[in-house]
Amino acid sequence: MNVVYHKLVQKDLDDAWGYYEDASEGLGDRLFDEFLAVIASIQRNPKSWPPTDKGRRVALFSRFPYKLLYRIEPERVKVLVVRHQKRSPAFGDKRR
């Protein structure tokens, strides 16, 4: 299935990547690799992750405290936000 991204997802990733890369060289790249693995999982089976009450779905990273919110549309999946699991729980909620 095709995946498209909200225009701010790149900033979400850049911020998270920078944080981890500053902490330890190469850690940002591992975060990005995990992001790609989550995207691949969604492409294979978009309905495998649980829906929220707003009709979105939440995919969790396995090694980093991040989650990805997305929605399934008729011909594609739209990734709305990459968000830290503990900080700013409403971050990105208004994205469409």
PDB file of N, CA and C in Angstrom:
ATOM      1  N   MET A   1       0.844  -1.173   0.000  1.00  0.00           N
ATOM      2  CA  MET A   1       0.000   0.000   0.000  1.00  0.00           C
ATOM      3  C   MET A   1       0.893   1.240   0.000  1.00  0.00           C
ATOM      4  N   ASN A   2       0.468   2.267  -0.726  1.00  0.00           N
ATOM      5  CA  ASN A   2       1.189   3.535  -0.774  1.00  0.00           C
ATOM      6  C   ASN A   2       1.163   4.232   0.575  1.00  0.00           C
ATOM      7  N   VAL A   3       2.267   4.835   0.942  1.00  0.00           N
ATOM      8  CA  VAL A   3       2.350   5.609   2.180  1.00  0.00           C
ATOM      9  C   VAL A   3       2.677   7.050   1.811  1.00  0.00           C
ATOM     10  N   VAL A   4       1.904   7.981   2.368  1.00  0.00           N
ATOM     11  CA  VAL A   4       2.191   9.405   2.215  1.00  0.00           C
ATOM     12  C   VAL A   4       2.366   9.980   3.617  1.00  0.00           C
ATOM     13  N   TYR A   5       2.998  11.144   3.685  1.00  0.00           N
ATOM     14  CA  TYR A   5       3.367  11.721   4.972  1.00  0.00           C
ATOM     15  C   TYR A   5       2.827  13.139   5.114  1.00  0.00           C
ATOM     16  N   HIS A   6       2.354  13.445   6.297  1.00  0.00           N
ATOM     17  CA  HIS A   6       2.006  14.829   6.614  1.00  0.00           C
ATOM     18  C   HIS A   6       3.283  15.654   6.466  1.00  0.00           C
ATOM     19  N   LYS A   7       3.141  16.904   6.078  1.00  0.00           N
ATOM     20  CA  LYS A   7       4.313  17.736   5.798  1.00  0.00           C
ATOM     21  C   LYS A   7       5.231  17.938   7.004  1.00  0.00           C
ATOM     22  N   LEU A   8       4.751  17.729   8.225  1.00  0.00           N
ATOM     23  CA  LEU A   8       5.578  17.935   9.413  1.00  0.00           C
ATOM     24  C   LEU A   8       6.263  16.666   9.930  1.00  0.00           C
ATOM     25  N   VAL A   9       5.992  15.527   9.314  1.00  0.00           N
ATOM     26  CA  VAL A   9       6.620  14.280   9.757  1.00  0.00           C
ATOM     27  C   VAL A   9       8.138  14.359   9.611  1.00  0.00           C
ATOM     28  N   GLN A  10       8.624  14.982   8.539  1.00  0.00           N
ATOM     29  CA  GLN A  10      10.072  15.112   8.363  1.00  0.00           C
ATOM     30  C   GLN A  10      10.693  15.888   9.515  1.00  0.00           C
ATOM     31  N   LYS A  11      10.033  16.938   9.977  1.00  0.00           N
ATOM     32  CA  LYS A  11      10.537  17.712  11.126  1.00  0.00           C
ATOM     33  C   LYS A  11      10.518  16.859  12.391  1.00  0.00           C
ATOM     34  N   ASP A  12       9.441  16.088  12.582  1.00  0.00           N
ATOM     35  CA  ASP A  12       9.375  15.181  13.734  1.00  0.00           C
ATOM     36  C   ASP A  12      10.599  14.267  13.752  1.00  0.00           C
ATOM     37  N   LEU A  13      10.886  13.675  12.595  1.00  0.00           N
ATOM     38  CA  LEU A  13      12.021  12.749  12.501  1.00  0.00           C
ATOM     39  C   LEU A  13      13.354  13.464  12.679  1.00  0.00           C
ATOM     40  N   ASP A  14      13.487  14.633  12.069  1.00  0.00           N
ATOM     41  CA  ASP A  14      14.738  15.386  12.200  1.00  0.00           C
ATOM     42  C   ASP A  14      15.018  15.734  13.660  1.00  0.00           C
ATOM     43  N   ASP A  15      13.985  16.159  14.374  1.00  0.00           N
ATOM     44  CA  ASP A  15      14.160  16.511  15.789  1.00  0.00           C
ATOM     45  C   ASP A  15      14.572  15.292  16.619  1.00  0.00           C
ATOM     46  N   ALA A  16      13.881  14.186  16.413  1.00  0.00           N
ATOM     47  CA  ALA A  16      14.210  12.967  17.166  1.00  0.00           C
ATOM     48  C   ALA A  16      15.604  12.460  16.791  1.00  0.00           C
ATOM     49  N   TRP A  17      15.906  12.472  15.493  1.00  0.00           N
ATOM     50  CA  TRP A  17      17.217  12.021  15.032  1.00  0.00           C
ATOM     51  C   TRP A  17      18.315  12.871  15.670  1.00  0.00           C
ATOM     52  N   GLY A  18      18.140  14.189  15.649  1.00  0.00           N
ATOM     53  CA  GLY A  18      19.141  15.084  16.224  1.00  0.00           C
ATOM     54  C   GLY A  18      19.363  14.834  17.704  1.00  0.00           C
ATOM     55  N   TYR A  19      18.286  14.615  18.427  1.00  0.00           N
ATOM     56  CA  TYR A  19      18.389  14.354  19.860  1.00  0.00           C
ATOM     57  C   TYR A  19      19.249  13.108  20.117  1.00  0.00           C
ATOM     58  N   TYR A  20      18.946  12.029  19.418  1.00  0.00           N
ATOM     59  CA  TYR A  20      19.679  10.784  19.650  1.00  0.00           C
ATOM     60  C   TYR A  20      21.093  10.840  19.094  1.00  0.00           C
ATOM     61  N   GLU A  21      21.268  11.536  17.983  1.00  0.00           N
ATOM     62  CA  GLU A  21      22.606  11.641  17.406  1.00  0.00           C
ATOM     63  C   GLU A  21      23.513  12.469  18.322  1.00  0.00           C
ATOM     64  N   ASP A  22      22.957  13.495  18.970  1.00  0.00           N
ATOM     65  CA  ASP A  22      23.731  14.286  19.936  1.00  0.00           C
ATOM     66  C   ASP A  22      24.112  13.444  21.153  1.00  0.00           C
ATOM     67  N   ALA A  23      23.235  12.523  21.521  1.00  0.00           N
ATOM     68  CA  ALA A  23      23.498  11.675  22.684  1.00  0.00           C
ATOM     69  C   ALA A  23      24.604  10.661  22.394  1.00  0.00           C
ATOM     70  N   SER A  24      24.589  10.097  21.189  1.00  0.00           N
ATOM     71  CA  SER A  24      25.581   9.088  20.824  1.00  0.00           C
ATOM     72  C   SER A  24      25.618   8.945  19.305  1.00  0.00           C
ATOM     73  N   GLU A  25      26.773   9.145  18.731  1.00  0.00           N
ATOM     74  CA  GLU A  25      26.895   9.071  17.280  1.00  0.00           C
ATOM     75  C   GLU A  25      26.398   7.722  16.755  1.00  0.00           C
ATOM     76  N   GLY A  26      25.544   7.782  15.761  1.00  0.00           N
ATOM     77  CA  GLY A  26      24.976   6.578  15.159  1.00  0.00           C
ATOM     78  C   GLY A  26      23.625   6.190  15.728  1.00  0.00           C
ATOM     79  N   LEU A  27      23.284   6.712  16.905  1.00  0.00           N
ATOM     80  CA  LEU A  27      22.003   6.367  17.526  1.00  0.00           C
ATOM     81  C   LEU A  27      20.829   6.955  16.745  1.00  0.00           C
ATOM     82  N   GLY A  28      21.024   8.138  16.178  1.00  0.00           N
ATOM     83  CA  GLY A  28      19.986   8.733  15.343  1.00  0.00           C
ATOM     84  C   GLY A  28      19.695   7.868  14.127  1.00  0.00           C
ATOM     85  N   ASP A  29      20.737   7.288  13.551  1.00  0.00           N
ATOM     86  CA  ASP A  29      20.546   6.407  12.397  1.00  0.00           C
ATOM     87  C   ASP A  29      19.772   5.146  12.782  1.00  0.00           C
ATOM     88  N   ARG A  30      20.016   4.652  13.977  1.00  0.00           N
ATOM     89  CA  ARG A  30      19.268   3.471  14.439  1.00  0.00           C
ATOM     90  C   ARG A  30      17.792   3.805  14.638  1.00  0.00           C
ATOM     91  N   LEU A  31      17.518   5.018  15.133  1.00  0.00           N
ATOM     92  CA  LEU A  31      16.129   5.468  15.246  1.00  0.00           C
ATOM     93  C   LEU A  31      15.486   5.509  13.868  1.00  0.00           C
ATOM     94  N   PHE A  32      16.181   6.062  12.892  1.00  0.00           N
ATOM     95  CA  PHE A  32      15.632   6.154  11.540  1.00  0.00           C
ATOM     96  C   PHE A  32      15.413   4.765  10.944  1.00  0.00           C
ATOM     97  N   ASP A  33      16.335   3.843  11.176  1.00  0.00           N
ATOM     98  CA  ASP A  33      16.155   2.464  10.705  1.00  0.00           C
ATOM     99  C   ASP A  33      14.890   1.852  11.299  1.00  0.00           C
ATOM    100  N   GLU A  34      14.653   2.136  12.574  1.00  0.00           N
ATOM    101  CA  GLU A  34      13.446   1.621  13.223  1.00  0.00           C
ATOM    102  C   GLU A  34      12.191   2.244  12.607  1.00  0.00           C
ATOM    103  N   PHE A  35      12.253   3.541  12.318  1.00  0.00           N
ATOM    104  CA  PHE A  35      11.146   4.207  11.637  1.00  0.00           C
ATOM    105  C   PHE A  35      10.841   3.493  10.316  1.00  0.00           C
ATOM    106  N   LEU A  36      11.865   3.200   9.542  1.00  0.00           N
ATOM    107  CA  LEU A  36      11.667   2.513   8.264  1.00  0.00           C
ATOM    108  C   LEU A  36      11.057   1.128   8.459  1.00  0.00           C
ATOM    109  N   ALA A  37      11.457   0.433   9.512  1.00  0.00           N
ATOM    110  CA  ALA A  37      10.895  -0.889   9.803  1.00  0.00           C
ATOM    111  C   ALA A  37       9.407  -0.782  10.155  1.00  0.00           C
ATOM    112  N   VAL A  38       9.037   0.241  10.906  1.00  0.00           N
ATOM    113  CA  VAL A  38       7.622   0.448  11.248  1.00  0.00           C
ATOM    114  C   VAL A  38       6.827   0.758   9.988  1.00  0.00           C
ATOM    115  N   ILE A  39       7.369   1.597   9.120  1.00  0.00           N
ATOM    116  CA  ILE A  39       6.696   1.918   7.860  1.00  0.00           C
ATOM    117  C   ILE A  39       6.516   0.655   7.015  1.00  0.00           C
ATOM    118  N   ALA A  40       7.535  -0.170   6.933  1.00  0.00           N
ATOM    119  CA  ALA A  40       7.436  -1.417   6.168  1.00  0.00           C
ATOM    120  C   ALA A  40       6.353  -2.324   6.745  1.00  0.00           C
ATOM    121  N   SER A  41       6.250  -2.383   8.061  1.00  0.00           N
ATOM    122  CA  SER A  41       5.220  -3.179   8.721  1.00  0.00           C
ATOM    123  C   SER A  41       3.824  -2.662   8.358  1.00  0.00           C
ATOM    124  N   ILE A  42       3.674  -1.351   8.363  1.00  0.00           N
ATOM    125  CA  ILE A  42       2.384  -0.748   8.009  1.00  0.00           C
ATOM    126  C   ILE A  42       2.051  -1.030   6.549  1.00  0.00           C
ATOM    127  N   GLN A  43       3.033  -0.951   5.678  1.00  0.00           N
ATOM    128  CA  GLN A  43       2.786  -1.229   4.256  1.00  0.00           C
ATOM    129  C   GLN A  43       2.332  -2.672   4.042  1.00  0.00           C
ATOM    130  N   ARG A  44       2.931  -3.599   4.770  1.00  0.00           N
ATOM    131  CA  ARG A  44       2.560  -5.012   4.627  1.00  0.00           C
ATOM    132  C   ARG A  44       1.144  -5.283   5.119  1.00  0.00           C
ATOM    133  N   ASN A  45       0.806  -4.680   6.265  1.00  0.00           N
ATOM    134  CA  ASN A  45      -0.504  -4.938   6.859  1.00  0.00           C
ATOM    135  C   ASN A  45      -0.956  -3.714   7.665  1.00  0.00           C
ATOM    136  N   PRO A  46      -1.587  -2.752   7.009  1.00  0.00           N
ATOM    137  CA  PRO A  46      -1.963  -1.501   7.681  1.00  0.00           C
ATOM    138  C   PRO A  46      -2.907  -1.687   8.867  1.00  0.00           C
ATOM    139  N   LYS A  47      -3.681  -2.738   8.865  1.00  0.00           N
ATOM    140  CA  LYS A  47      -4.654  -2.943   9.941  1.00  0.00           C
ATOM    141  C   LYS A  47      -4.090  -3.718  11.126  1.00  0.00           C
ATOM    142  N   SER A  48      -2.803  -4.019  11.098  1.00  0.00           N
ATOM    143  CA  SER A  48      -2.219  -4.810  12.190  1.00  0.00           C
ATOM    144  C   SER A  48      -2.050  -4.010  13.475  1.00  0.00           C
ATOM    145  N   TRP A  49      -2.024  -2.697  13.391  1.00  0.00           N
ATOM    146  CA  TRP A  49      -1.876  -1.859  14.575  1.00  0.00           C
ATOM    147  C   TRP A  49      -3.250  -1.398  15.034  1.00  0.00           C
ATOM    148  N   PRO A  50      -3.451  -1.243  16.335  1.00  0.00           N
ATOM    149  CA  PRO A  50      -4.790  -0.947  16.861  1.00  0.00           C
ATOM    150  C   PRO A  50      -5.260   0.482  16.544  1.00  0.00           C
ATOM    151  N   PRO A  51      -6.560   0.622  16.295  1.00  0.00           N
ATOM    152  CA  PRO A  51      -7.106   1.965  16.057  1.00  0.00           C
ATOM    153  C   PRO A  51      -7.342   2.709  17.374  1.00  0.00           C
ATOM    154  N   THR A  52      -7.360   4.030  17.292  1.00  0.00           N
ATOM    155  CA  THR A  52      -7.708   4.863  18.434  1.00  0.00           C
ATOM    156  C   THR A  52      -9.167   5.271  18.294  1.00  0.00           C
ATOM    157  N   ASP A  53      -9.667   5.994  19.272  1.00  0.00           N
ATOM    158  CA  ASP A  53     -11.050   6.446  19.208  1.00  0.00           C
ATOM    159  C   ASP A  53     -11.272   7.498  18.116  1.00  0.00           C
ATOM    160  N   LYS A  54     -10.197   8.062  17.577  1.00  0.00           N
ATOM    161  CA  LYS A  54     -10.307   9.065  16.518  1.00  0.00           C
ATOM    162  C   LYS A  54     -10.145   8.452  15.124  1.00  0.00           C
ATOM    163  N   GLY A  55     -10.113   7.130  15.044  1.00  0.00           N
ATOM    164  CA  GLY A  55      -9.984   6.465  13.757  1.00  0.00           C
ATOM    165  C   GLY A  55      -8.559   6.375  13.239  1.00  0.00           C
ATOM    166  N   ARG A  56      -7.626   6.814  14.019  1.00  0.00           N
ATOM    167  CA  ARG A  56      -6.225   6.689  13.650  1.00  0.00           C
ATOM    168  C   ARG A  56      -5.698   5.372  14.202  1.00  0.00           C
ATOM    169  N   ARG A  57      -4.519   5.013  13.759  1.00  0.00           N
ATOM    170  CA  ARG A  57      -3.864   3.823  14.296  1.00  0.00           C
ATOM    171  C   ARG A  57      -2.515   4.224  14.860  1.00  0.00           C
ATOM    172  N   VAL A  58      -2.049   3.439  15.819  1.00  0.00           N
ATOM    173  CA  VAL A  58      -0.804   3.751  16.516  1.00  0.00           C
ATOM    174  C   VAL A  58       0.156   2.581  16.354  1.00  0.00           C
ATOM    175  N   ALA A  59       1.314   2.872  15.769  1.00  0.00           N
ATOM    176  CA  ALA A  59       2.360   1.866  15.616  1.00  0.00           C
ATOM    177  C   ALA A  59       3.520   2.250  16.533  1.00  0.00           C
ATOM    178  N   LEU A  60       3.941   1.317  17.364  1.00  0.00           N
ATOM    179  CA  LEU A  60       5.011   1.585  18.331  1.00  0.00           C
ATOM    180  C   LEU A  60       6.367   1.160  17.793  1.00  0.00           C
ATOM    181  N   PHE A  61       7.367   1.968  18.074  1.00  0.00           N
ATOM    182  CA  PHE A  61       8.740   1.574  17.799  1.00  0.00           C
ATOM    183  C   PHE A  61       9.105   0.542  18.870  1.00  0.00           C
ATOM    184  N   SER A  62       9.974  -0.391  18.553  1.00  0.00           N
ATOM    185  CA  SER A  62      10.298  -1.423  19.543  1.00  0.00           C
ATOM    186  C   SER A  62      11.484  -1.050  20.428  1.00  0.00           C
ATOM    187  N   ARG A  63      12.455  -0.303  19.925  1.00  0.00           N
ATOM    188  CA  ARG A  63      13.646  -0.001  20.720  1.00  0.00           C
ATOM    189  C   ARG A  63      13.734   1.447  21.182  1.00  0.00           C
ATOM    190  N   PHE A  64      12.842   2.284  20.718  1.00  0.00           N
ATOM    191  CA  PHE A  64      12.847   3.696  21.090  1.00  0.00           C
ATOM    192  C   PHE A  64      11.464   4.068  21.595  1.00  0.00           C
ATOM    193  N   PRO A  65      11.362   5.044  22.496  1.00  0.00           N
ATOM    194  CA  PRO A  65      10.062   5.400  23.070  1.00  0.00           C
ATOM    195  C   PRO A  65       9.250   6.333  22.153  1.00  0.00           C
ATOM    196  N   TYR A  66       9.050   5.881  20.933  1.00  0.00           N
ATOM    197  CA  TYR A  66       8.304   6.671  19.950  1.00  0.00           C
ATOM    198  C   TYR A  66       7.160   5.852  19.390  1.00  0.00           C
ATOM    199  N   LYS A  67       6.176   6.583  18.896  1.00  0.00           N
ATOM    200  CA  LYS A  67       5.069   5.952  18.199  1.00  0.00           C
ATOM    201  C   LYS A  67       4.740   6.771  16.967  1.00  0.00           C
ATOM    202  N   LEU A  68       4.102   6.119  16.047  1.00  0.00           N
ATOM    203  CA  LEU A  68       3.735   6.731  14.785  1.00  0.00           C
ATOM    204  C   LEU A  68       2.216   6.654  14.681  1.00  0.00           C
ATOM    205  N   LEU A  69       1.574   7.773  14.439  1.00  0.00           N
ATOM    206  CA  LEU A  69       0.129   7.795  14.256  1.00  0.00           C
ATOM    207  C   LEU A  69      -0.167   7.913  12.769  1.00  0.00           C
ATOM    208  N   TYR A  70      -1.097   7.108  12.296  1.00  0.00           N
ATOM    209  CA  TYR A  70      -1.442   7.116  10.876  1.00  0.00           C
ATOM    210  C   TYR A  70      -2.913   6.784  10.710  1.00  0.00           C
ATOM    211  N   ARG A  71      -3.410   7.034   9.519  1.00  0.00           N
ATOM    212  CA  ARG A  71      -4.775   6.630   9.211  1.00  0.00           C
ATOM    213  C   ARG A  71      -4.793   5.940   7.861  1.00  0.00           C
ATOM    214  N   ILE A  72      -5.714   5.024   7.737  1.00  0.00           N
ATOM    215  CA  ILE A  72      -5.880   4.292   6.495  1.00  0.00           C
ATOM    216  C   ILE A  72      -6.933   5.021   5.670  1.00  0.00           C
ATOM    217  N   GLU A  73      -6.558   5.387   4.461  1.00  0.00           N
ATOM    218  CA  GLU A  73      -7.467   6.032   3.523  1.00  0.00           C
ATOM    219  C   GLU A  73      -7.774   5.032   2.409  1.00  0.00           C
ATOM    220  N   PRO A  74      -8.736   5.329   1.555  1.00  0.00           N
ATOM    221  CA  PRO A  74      -9.134   4.333   0.548  1.00  0.00           C
ATOM    222  C   PRO A  74      -7.996   3.746  -0.288  1.00  0.00           C
ATOM    223  N   GLU A  75      -7.052   4.544  -0.717  1.00  0.00           N
ATOM    224  CA  GLU A  75      -6.008   4.025  -1.601  1.00  0.00           C
ATOM    225  C   GLU A  75      -4.598   4.195  -1.041  1.00  0.00           C
ATOM    226  N   ARG A  76      -4.510   4.615   0.216  1.00  0.00           N
ATOM    227  CA  ARG A  76      -3.189   4.887   0.782  1.00  0.00           C
ATOM    228  C   ARG A  76      -3.247   4.913   2.302  1.00  0.00           C
ATOM    229  N   VAL A  77      -2.068   4.980   2.889  1.00  0.00           N
ATOM    230  CA  VAL A  77      -1.919   5.197   4.328  1.00  0.00           C
ATOM    231  C   VAL A  77      -1.267   6.562   4.484  1.00  0.00           C
ATOM    232  N   LYS A  78      -1.795   7.369   5.385  1.00  0.00           N
ATOM    233  CA  LYS A  78      -1.201   8.682   5.641  1.00  0.00           C
ATOM    234  C   LYS A  78      -0.606   8.703   7.047  1.00  0.00           C
ATOM    235  N   VAL A  79       0.708   8.911   7.112  1.00  0.00           N
ATOM    236  CA  VAL A  79       1.411   9.036   8.384  1.00  0.00           C
ATOM    237  C   VAL A  79       1.238  10.482   8.840  1.00  0.00           C
ATOM    238  N   LEU A  80       0.730  10.641  10.060  1.00  0.00           N
ATOM    239  CA  LEU A  80       0.397  11.972  10.565  1.00  0.00           C
ATOM    240  C   LEU A  80       1.455  12.557  11.488  1.00  0.00           C
ATOM    241  N   VAL A  81       2.028  11.730  12.346  1.00  0.00           N
ATOM    242  CA  VAL A  81       2.978  12.254  13.331  1.00  0.00           C
ATOM    243  C   VAL A  81       3.882  11.133  13.848  1.00  0.00           C
ATOM    244  N   VAL A  82       5.122  11.509  14.156  1.00  0.00           N
ATOM    245  CA  VAL A  82       6.038  10.648  14.889  1.00  0.00           C
ATOM    246  C   VAL A  82       6.214  11.344  16.234  1.00  0.00           C
ATOM    247  N   ARG A  83       5.819  10.662  17.300  1.00  0.00           N
ATOM    248  CA  ARG A  83       5.709  11.313  18.606  1.00  0.00           C
ATOM    249  C   ARG A  83       6.355  10.465  19.697  1.00  0.00           C
ATOM    250  N   HIS A  84       7.027  11.151  20.617  1.00  0.00           N
ATOM    251  CA  HIS A  84       7.591  10.493  21.796  1.00  0.00           C
ATOM    252  C   HIS A  84       6.436   9.971  22.647  1.00  0.00           C
ATOM    253  N   GLN A  85       6.578   8.800  23.218  1.00  0.00           N
ATOM    254  CA  GLN A  85       5.483   8.182  23.968  1.00  0.00           C
ATOM    255  C   GLN A  85       5.204   8.843  25.312  1.00  0.00           C
ATOM    256  N   LYS A  86       6.179   9.533  25.875  1.00  0.00           N
ATOM    257  CA  LYS A  86       6.003  10.092  27.212  1.00  0.00           C
ATOM    258  C   LYS A  86       5.832  11.614  27.224  1.00  0.00           C
ATOM    259  N   ARG A  87       6.400  12.293  26.244  1.00  0.00           N
ATOM    260  CA  ARG A  87       6.344  13.755  26.211  1.00  0.00           C
ATOM    261  C   ARG A  87       5.201  14.234  25.336  1.00  0.00           C
ATOM    262  N   SER A  88       4.574  15.328  25.709  1.00  0.00           N
ATOM    263  CA  SER A  88       3.537  15.988  24.909  1.00  0.00           C
ATOM    264  C   SER A  88       2.538  15.001  24.305  1.00  0.00           C
ATOM    265  N   PRO A  89       1.688  14.414  25.134  1.00  0.00           N
ATOM    266  CA  PRO A  89       0.784  13.384  24.628  1.00  0.00           C
ATOM    267  C   PRO A  89      -0.195  13.846  23.550  1.00  0.00           C
ATOM    268  N   ALA A  90      -0.413  15.148  23.427  1.00  0.00           N
ATOM    269  CA  ALA A  90      -1.327  15.642  22.399  1.00  0.00           C
ATOM    270  C   ALA A  90      -0.572  16.155  21.156  1.00  0.00           C
ATOM    271  N   PHE A  91       0.742  16.002  21.145  1.00  0.00           N
ATOM    272  CA  PHE A  91       1.534  16.500  20.029  1.00  0.00           C
ATOM    273  C   PHE A  91       1.051  15.892  18.703  1.00  0.00           C
ATOM    274  N   GLY A  92       0.699  16.754  17.762  1.00  0.00           N
ATOM    275  CA  GLY A  92       0.286  16.304  16.438  1.00  0.00           C
ATOM    276  C   GLY A  92      -1.151  15.858  16.322  1.00  0.00           C
ATOM    277  N   ASP A  93      -1.927  15.940  17.390  1.00  0.00           N
ATOM    278  CA  ASP A  93      -3.296  15.446  17.342  1.00  0.00           C
ATOM    279  C   ASP A  93      -4.182  16.169  16.331  1.00  0.00           C
ATOM    280  N   LYS A  94      -3.875  17.403  16.020  1.00  0.00           N
ATOM    281  CA  LYS A  94      -4.729  18.161  15.098  1.00  0.00           C
ATOM    282  C   LYS A  94      -4.354  17.973  13.640  1.00  0.00           C
ATOM    283  N   ARG A  95      -3.324  17.212  13.376  1.00  0.00           N
ATOM    284  CA  ARG A  95      -2.903  16.984  11.987  1.00  0.00           C
ATOM    285  C   ARG A  95      -3.932  16.116  11.256  1.00  0.00           C
ATOM    286  N   ARG A  96      -4.132  16.448  10.021  1.00  0.00           N
ATOM    287  CA  ARG A  96      -5.085  15.705   9.166  1.00  0.00           C
ATOM    288  C   ARG A  96      -4.389  15.109   7.972  1.00  0.00           C
TER     289      ARG A  96
END
